[in-house]
Amino acid sequence: MIQLERTNSDNVDFRKLVTELDKDLAVRDGDDHAFYSQFNKIDTIKHVIVARIGDDVVGCGAIKSYDDSTMEVKRMFTDPSFRGKGIAAIILNELENWSRELKMKRCILETGIKQHEAIALYKKCDYVIIPNYGQYEGVENSFCFEKQLI
C-alpha cells in the first residue's frame, strides 16, 4: 500500500530522491542539464509529497506557486525499481488535490523532450501541451503542460 506524506523541501527522504532525480536528468539532458538545473532549486519549496511503500521511499513530487491562481509541478520522480506501478500518477493526483485546497485553478509544468515516461504520464493524467512559459519560452527541448483544476 502506498502511503503519501505531505511535507516540505527540508524532508531528508525528498532530498535523497531529488539527488537521484538529478543524476538521471544529468544523463538524459546532457549538455542542457546546467540550463535546466538552475530552475530546479528546492531550498524553499513548501509543498512536497513523499511516497512510501512499507519502509521504502519510492517517489516524490512538489508544487510551488507560479502566480495567484497557478501552481507549478516540480521534482517528480519515482525510484526506478518501483516504476510501472502507478506511483507517479498517485503523487501527481495528490499534488493536484493540494493545489485545489490552496484555491489554485490550474497546475503547469515543464518536462524535457527526452523524458518520454513523463510526457506519457502527463498526457494520461489529462495535462495538455501549452506554449512554453516563463524561462522555457523559446526552448526547443522543453514541453510545457497545464491542467485546469476547476
Protein backbone atom coordinates (compact mmCIF):
# COMPACT_ATOMS: atom_id res chain seq x y z
CA MET A 1 0.00 0.00 0.00
CA ILE A 2 1.29 3.42 -0.95
CA GLN A 3 1.43 6.00 1.82
CA LEU A 4 1.75 9.68 0.97
CA GLU A 5 3.33 12.24 3.27
CA ARG A 6 2.82 15.95 2.84
CA THR A 7 5.99 17.75 3.85
CA ASN A 8 8.39 20.42 2.59
CA SER A 9 11.80 20.57 0.96
CA ASP A 10 13.58 20.08 4.28
CA ASN A 11 12.49 16.42 4.25
CA VAL A 12 15.56 14.16 4.15
CA ASP A 13 13.87 11.49 2.02
CA PHE A 14 12.75 14.09 -0.51
CA ARG A 15 16.30 15.42 -0.76
CA LYS A 16 17.65 11.89 -1.35
CA LEU A 17 15.15 11.27 -4.13
CA VAL A 18 15.95 14.63 -5.74
CA THR A 19 19.64 13.69 -5.74
CA GLU A 20 18.74 10.53 -7.68
CA LEU A 21 16.48 12.54 -10.00
CA ASP A 22 19.28 15.00 -10.75
CA LYS A 23 21.69 12.15 -11.57
CA ASP A 24 19.16 10.73 -14.04
CA LEU A 25 18.47 14.14 -15.59
CA ALA A 26 22.19 14.88 -15.98
CA VAL A 27 22.43 11.83 -18.24
CA ARG A 28 19.20 12.47 -20.14
CA ASP A 29 19.69 16.22 -20.57
CA GLY A 30 23.37 16.02 -21.47
CA ASP A 31 24.75 19.45 -22.36
CA ASP A 32 21.42 21.10 -21.49
CA HIS A 33 21.48 19.93 -17.85
CA ALA A 34 23.06 23.11 -16.43
CA PHE A 35 20.37 25.25 -18.07
CA TYR A 36 17.50 23.21 -16.59
CA SER A 37 19.19 22.71 -13.23
CA GLN A 38 19.06 26.42 -12.44
CA PHE A 39 15.24 26.23 -12.36
CA ASN A 40 15.08 23.21 -10.07
CA LYS A 41 16.35 24.53 -6.75
CA ILE A 42 14.45 23.03 -3.83
CA ASP A 43 15.54 25.23 -0.91
CA THR A 44 12.19 26.93 -0.38
CA ILE A 45 9.57 24.51 -1.66
CA LYS A 46 6.74 24.41 0.87
CA HIS A 47 4.57 21.70 -0.70
CA VAL A 48 6.23 18.31 -1.18
CA ILE A 49 4.79 14.80 -1.42
CA VAL A 50 6.92 11.79 -0.46
CA ALA A 51 5.54 8.34 -1.30
CA ARG A 52 6.38 5.19 0.65
CA ILE A 53 5.63 1.52 0.35
CA GLY A 54 6.39 -0.03 3.71
CA ASP A 55 9.87 1.12 4.68
CA ASP A 56 10.83 2.06 1.12
CA VAL A 57 10.78 5.66 -0.07
CA VAL A 58 9.55 5.22 -3.64
CA GLY A 59 8.75 8.61 -5.14
CA CYS A 60 8.22 12.33 -4.76
CA GLY A 61 6.79 15.44 -6.31
CA ALA A 62 6.33 19.08 -5.37
CA ILE A 63 4.35 22.17 -6.22
CA LYS A 64 5.30 25.79 -5.95
CA SER A 65 3.37 28.95 -6.58
CA TYR A 66 3.70 30.31 -10.11
CA ASP A 67 1.10 33.08 -9.83
CA ASP A 68 -2.04 33.84 -7.83
CA SER A 69 -4.04 31.02 -9.41
CA THR A 70 -1.38 28.59 -10.62
CA MET A 71 0.91 26.00 -9.05
CA GLU A 72 3.92 24.65 -10.92
CA VAL A 73 4.62 20.93 -10.56
CA LYS A 74 8.28 20.27 -9.84
CA ARG A 75 10.68 17.43 -8.97
CA MET A 76 8.54 14.45 -9.95
CA PHE A 77 10.50 11.22 -9.50
CA THR A 78 9.85 7.53 -8.93
CA ASP A 79 12.63 5.16 -7.87
CA PRO A 80 13.41 3.03 -10.95
CA SER A 81 12.79 -0.22 -9.08
CA PHE A 82 9.20 0.90 -8.34
CA ARG A 83 8.25 2.26 -11.76
CA GLY A 84 5.26 0.94 -13.65
CA LYS A 85 3.08 0.69 -10.54
CA GLY A 86 1.17 3.97 -10.94
CA ILE A 87 3.07 5.74 -8.15
CA ALA A 88 3.78 8.89 -10.15
CA ALA A 89 0.12 9.28 -11.08
CA ILE A 90 -0.87 8.91 -7.41
CA ILE A 91 1.68 11.56 -6.39
CA LEU A 92 0.54 13.89 -9.17
CA ASN A 93 -3.10 13.46 -8.17
CA GLU A 94 -2.26 14.36 -4.57
CA LEU A 95 -0.35 17.45 -5.73
CA GLU A 96 -3.43 18.49 -7.72
CA ASN A 97 -5.65 17.93 -4.67
CA TRP A 98 -3.31 20.04 -2.56
CA SER A 99 -3.38 22.77 -5.20
CA ARG A 100 -7.19 22.77 -5.10
CA GLU A 101 -7.11 23.05 -1.30
CA LEU A 102 -4.88 26.11 -1.77
CA LYS A 103 -7.61 27.56 -4.07
CA MET A 104 -5.49 27.26 -7.21
CA LYS A 105 -7.18 26.98 -10.59
CA ARG A 106 -4.51 25.17 -12.60
CA CYS A 107 -1.23 23.32 -12.49
CA ILE A 108 1.53 23.84 -15.04
CA LEU A 109 4.81 22.06 -15.59
CA GLU A 110 7.78 21.68 -17.87
CA THR A 111 9.47 18.49 -18.94
CA GLY A 112 12.19 17.73 -21.44
CA ILE A 113 11.57 16.17 -24.82
CA LYS A 114 13.74 13.21 -23.77
CA GLN A 115 11.50 12.49 -20.75
CA HIS A 116 9.26 10.06 -22.62
CA GLU A 117 7.82 8.45 -19.49
CA ALA A 118 6.98 11.86 -18.01
CA ILE A 119 5.30 13.04 -21.21
CA ALA A 120 3.17 9.87 -21.28
CA LEU A 121 2.26 10.31 -17.60
CA TYR A 122 1.13 13.90 -18.01
CA LYS A 123 -0.95 13.11 -21.09
CA LYS A 124 -2.53 10.12 -19.29
CA CYS A 125 -3.38 12.43 -16.36
CA ASP A 126 -5.20 14.92 -18.65
CA TYR A 127 -2.48 17.54 -18.96
CA VAL A 128 -2.41 19.35 -22.29
CA ILE A 129 0.57 20.84 -24.07
CA ILE A 130 0.70 24.63 -23.90
CA PRO A 131 3.14 27.18 -25.31
CA ASN A 132 6.35 27.22 -23.31
CA TYR A 133 6.06 29.65 -20.42
CA GLY A 134 8.45 31.87 -18.48
CA GLN A 135 12.06 30.74 -18.58
CA TYR A 136 11.18 27.95 -21.04
CA GLU A 137 9.92 30.27 -23.81
CA GLY A 138 11.84 29.53 -26.98
CA VAL A 139 13.49 26.40 -25.52
CA GLU A 140 13.15 23.73 -28.19
CA ASN A 141 13.95 20.82 -25.85
CA SER A 142 11.06 21.57 -23.48
CA PHE A 143 7.40 20.68 -23.45
CA CYS A 144 5.10 22.63 -21.15
CA PHE A 145 1.77 21.31 -19.94
CA GLU A 146 -1.21 22.53 -17.95
CA LYS A 147 -4.25 21.07 -16.29
CA GLN A 148 -7.28 23.07 -15.25
CA LEU A 149 -8.29 22.14 -11.71
CA ILE A 150 -11.79 23.60 -11.61
